[in-house]
Amino acid sequence: MRPSLIVRNLCLASALLFASVAYAGESSDSTYKVVAYIGGGLSRYIVVAGTPSGMSADVSKTGPAATLRVMWYPDHLLSVGLETGWTKIYSYKSTSGPPAQMTLSQYPLYAVFGMKFWNELNLIGGYGYSRLNTNLDYQGTVNISTWSMGWVAACSYEHPVSKTLGIAAELKWINAVESGDGVITLQLQLVWDLFRY
């Protein structure tokens, strides 16, 4: 990975953390809680998809995405948690020559920080690793998995349904830095207060 990418991503993560701390104030609710976000939607690959040289192929940059995030909310606006899930990055199918198809997907594991504004708008940023899985079907099936450092940035709007349940719409950007693969996802999520204390 290029040093400039490392510096840029470290600066981004630091800026998100310091901005969250700077704006974290006391809220009127002194309840501590643990909240799960479970959702799914669509992803869109935002980088040029690579296909083998000389191959004519139909490339699909849109696919499904799923998220599981667990956040701890103390008695101020800053929250912290873990995020995982599954995202289809892109796929292609050959249109000439021997039949071949490939699918690239990722399973992120990120430490995330969140900031809530007006009890409805969430800003989330995090850093960690993504497990990139390549499935190639060409005269046999080959599965290859690698780890890549990455980051996530998201914004969501929450609407409460009851005291312990809500729904949220989230726009998220996930970037696997070392491989250069980036996707934007739009998801609908169930927001579930697991417990309060």
Protein backbone atom coordinates (compact mmCIF):
# COMPACT_ATOMS: atom_id res chain seq x y z
CA MET A 1 0.00 0.00 0.00
CA ARG A 2 1.30 3.46 -0.90
CA PRO A 3 2.43 5.66 2.01
CA SER A 4 0.12 8.46 0.83
CA LEU A 5 -2.91 6.17 1.20
CA ILE A 6 -1.86 5.20 4.71
CA VAL A 7 -1.45 8.84 5.73
CA ARG A 8 -4.75 9.86 4.13
CA ASN A 9 -6.72 7.10 5.83
CA LEU A 10 -5.09 7.66 9.22
CA CYS A 11 -5.94 11.37 8.94
CA LEU A 12 -9.54 10.51 8.04
CA ALA A 13 -9.92 8.15 11.00
CA SER A 14 -8.30 10.66 13.36
CA ALA A 15 -10.48 13.51 12.10
CA LEU A 16 -13.64 11.46 12.62
CA LEU A 17 -12.59 10.52 16.14
CA PHE A 18 -11.54 14.02 17.18
CA ALA A 19 -14.65 15.59 15.64
CA SER A 20 -16.82 13.13 17.54
CA VAL A 21 -15.06 13.84 20.83
CA ALA A 22 -15.18 17.59 20.26
CA TYR A 23 -18.91 17.60 19.61
CA ALA A 24 -19.86 14.98 22.19
CA GLY A 25 -21.91 16.75 24.79
CA GLU A 26 -24.12 15.69 27.63
CA SER A 27 -27.60 14.57 26.57
CA SER A 28 -30.77 14.76 28.61
CA ASP A 29 -30.98 10.96 28.78
CA SER A 30 -28.47 9.43 31.20
CA THR A 31 -29.35 5.85 30.18
CA TYR A 32 -26.59 3.60 28.90
CA LYS A 33 -27.68 1.20 26.18
CA VAL A 34 -26.49 -1.37 23.64
CA VAL A 35 -28.17 -1.17 20.24
CA ALA A 36 -28.09 -3.58 17.28
CA TYR A 37 -28.50 -2.43 13.69
CA ILE A 38 -29.53 -5.23 11.31
CA GLY A 39 -30.19 -4.38 7.70
CA GLY A 40 -29.84 -4.99 4.03
CA GLY A 41 -30.08 -3.26 0.69
CA LEU A 42 -28.16 -2.61 -2.49
CA SER A 43 -24.49 -1.90 -3.18
CA ARG A 44 -22.88 -0.12 -6.11
CA TYR A 45 -19.24 -0.60 -7.08
CA ILE A 46 -17.67 2.83 -7.71
CA VAL A 47 -14.30 1.80 -9.17
CA VAL A 48 -13.42 0.42 -12.63
CA ALA A 49 -14.04 -3.34 -12.51
CA GLY A 50 -11.10 -5.44 -13.64
CA THR A 51 -11.58 -8.25 -16.16
CA PRO A 52 -8.87 -10.46 -17.70
CA SER A 53 -7.07 -8.94 -20.67
CA GLY A 54 -8.72 -9.83 -23.96
CA MET A 55 -11.95 -11.12 -22.39
CA SER A 56 -15.32 -9.75 -23.46
CA ALA A 57 -17.58 -9.79 -20.40
CA ASP A 58 -20.79 -8.43 -18.96
CA VAL A 59 -19.89 -6.66 -15.72
CA SER A 60 -22.40 -6.20 -12.90
CA LYS A 61 -21.51 -3.44 -10.43
CA THR A 62 -24.74 -3.67 -8.43
CA GLY A 63 -25.54 -6.32 -5.85
CA PRO A 64 -26.91 -7.09 -2.40
CA ALA A 65 -25.43 -5.83 0.88
CA ALA A 66 -26.11 -6.69 4.52
CA THR A 67 -24.95 -5.11 7.79
CA LEU A 68 -24.79 -6.14 11.44
CA ARG A 69 -23.61 -3.40 13.79
CA VAL A 70 -23.65 -3.38 17.59
CA MET A 71 -23.14 0.01 19.27
CA TRP A 72 -22.68 1.02 22.91
CA TYR A 73 -24.27 4.37 23.77
CA PRO A 74 -23.04 5.93 27.02
CA ASP A 75 -24.66 9.03 28.49
CA HIS A 76 -23.28 11.40 25.83
CA LEU A 77 -23.53 11.68 22.06
CA LEU A 78 -20.44 9.63 21.15
CA SER A 79 -20.94 5.87 20.68
CA VAL A 80 -18.57 3.01 19.87
CA GLY A 81 -19.08 -0.47 18.48
CA LEU A 82 -18.28 -3.22 15.99
CA GLU A 83 -19.58 -3.74 12.46
CA THR A 84 -19.61 -6.74 10.15
CA GLY A 85 -21.78 -7.93 7.28
CA TRP A 86 -21.53 -8.99 3.68
CA THR A 87 -21.34 -6.99 0.45
CA LYS A 88 -21.17 -8.10 -3.16
CA ILE A 89 -18.55 -5.86 -4.75
CA TYR A 90 -18.91 -6.79 -8.43
CA SER A 91 -19.16 -9.76 -10.79
CA TYR A 92 -18.66 -10.52 -14.45
CA LYS A 93 -19.63 -13.23 -16.93
CA SER A 94 -17.76 -13.90 -20.18
CA THR A 95 -19.62 -13.23 -23.44
CA SER A 96 -17.08 -14.90 -25.73
CA GLY A 97 -14.79 -17.89 -25.57
CA PRO A 98 -15.05 -20.53 -22.83
CA PRO A 99 -17.77 -19.80 -20.25
CA ALA A 100 -16.38 -18.05 -17.18
CA GLN A 101 -17.78 -16.02 -14.34
CA MET A 102 -16.32 -14.34 -11.27
CA THR A 103 -17.82 -12.78 -8.14
CA LEU A 104 -15.93 -10.59 -5.66
CA SER A 105 -17.48 -10.03 -2.22
CA GLN A 106 -16.32 -8.79 1.17
CA TYR A 107 -16.94 -9.47 4.86
CA PRO A 108 -15.85 -6.39 6.85
CA LEU A 109 -14.89 -6.33 10.52
CA TYR A 110 -14.55 -2.72 11.66
CA ALA A 111 -14.31 -0.83 14.91
CA VAL A 112 -16.74 2.06 14.47
CA PHE A 113 -17.50 5.37 16.18
CA GLY A 114 -20.81 7.16 15.94
CA MET A 115 -22.22 10.59 16.63
CA LYS A 116 -25.95 11.20 16.99
CA PHE A 117 -27.57 14.56 16.19
CA TRP A 118 -31.16 15.49 17.07
CA ASN A 119 -31.79 11.87 18.19
CA GLU A 120 -32.40 10.88 14.56
CA LEU A 121 -29.33 11.55 12.43
CA ASN A 122 -26.30 9.26 12.90
CA LEU A 123 -22.81 9.86 11.51
CA ILE A 124 -20.56 6.79 11.62
CA GLY A 125 -16.92 6.22 10.78
CA GLY A 126 -14.63 3.27 11.36
CA TYR A 127 -11.52 1.38 10.43
CA GLY A 128 -10.52 -2.28 10.32
CA TYR A 129 -10.14 -5.19 7.94
CA SER A 130 -12.24 -6.73 5.19
CA ARG A 131 -12.11 -10.37 4.14
CA LEU A 132 -12.25 -10.28 0.32
CA ASN A 133 -13.57 -13.44 -1.28
CA THR A 134 -13.10 -14.18 -4.99
CA ASN A 135 -15.15 -16.99 -6.54
CA LEU A 136 -14.02 -17.94 -10.06
CA ASP A 137 -15.88 -20.51 -12.16
CA TYR A 138 -13.72 -21.31 -15.18
CA GLN A 139 -13.16 -24.95 -16.12
CA GLY A 140 -13.59 -25.66 -12.42
CA THR A 141 -14.29 -23.58 -9.34
CA VAL A 142 -11.65 -21.64 -7.44
CA ASN A 143 -12.21 -19.69 -4.19
CA ILE A 144 -9.55 -17.27 -2.97
CA SER A 145 -9.73 -15.15 0.19
CA THR A 146 -7.47 -12.30 1.29
CA TRP A 147 -7.52 -9.64 4.03
CA SER A 148 -7.43 -5.94 3.23
CA MET A 149 -7.33 -2.90 5.50
CA GLY A 150 -10.31 -0.65 5.00
CA TRP A 151 -12.62 2.02 6.35
CA VAL A 152 -16.30 2.85 6.43
CA ALA A 153 -18.22 6.13 6.53
CA ALA A 154 -22.00 6.26 6.85
CA CYS A 155 -24.95 8.52 7.53
CA SER A 156 -28.33 7.21 8.67
CA TYR A 157 -31.71 8.59 9.60
CA GLU A 158 -33.57 6.79 12.42
CA HIS A 159 -37.28 6.70 13.13
CA PRO A 160 -38.51 5.14 16.39
CA VAL A 161 -41.37 2.62 16.20
CA SER A 162 -41.53 1.75 19.91
CA LYS A 163 -39.36 2.17 23.02
CA THR A 164 -37.03 -0.61 21.91
CA LEU A 165 -37.45 -0.76 18.11
CA GLY A 166 -36.89 1.60 15.23
CA ILE A 167 -36.13 1.67 11.53
CA ALA A 168 -33.33 3.50 9.75
CA ALA A 169 -32.29 4.37 6.21
CA GLU A 170 -28.50 4.39 5.78
CA LEU A 171 -26.14 5.54 3.04
CA LYS A 172 -22.68 4.01 3.46
CA TRP A 173 -19.30 4.06 1.75
CA ILE A 174 -17.04 1.03 2.31
CA ASN A 175 -13.48 1.08 1.00
CA ALA A 176 -10.99 -1.80 1.04
CA VAL A 177 -7.79 0.25 0.86
CA GLU A 178 -5.15 -2.28 -0.15
CA SER A 179 -7.17 -3.74 -3.02
CA GLY A 180 -8.66 -0.38 -4.03
CA ASP A 181 -12.23 -1.71 -4.03
CA GLY A 182 -14.92 0.75 -2.98
CA VAL A 183 -18.71 0.43 -2.81
CA ILE A 184 -21.61 2.65 -1.82
CA THR A 185 -24.60 0.96 -0.22
CA LEU A 186 -28.15 2.09 0.51
CA GLN A 187 -29.79 0.02 3.24
CA LEU A 188 -32.93 -0.24 5.32
CA GLN A 189 -32.16 -1.29 8.91
CA LEU A 190 -33.96 -2.55 11.98
CA VAL A 191 -32.75 -0.70 15.10
CA TRP A 192 -33.13 -2.82 18.23
CA ASP A 193 -32.27 -1.74 21.78
CA LEU A 194 -30.80 -4.95 23.18
CA PHE A 195 -30.69 -3.68 26.76
CA ARG A 196 -30.46 -0.52 28.87
CA TYR A 197 -28.83 0.10 32.23
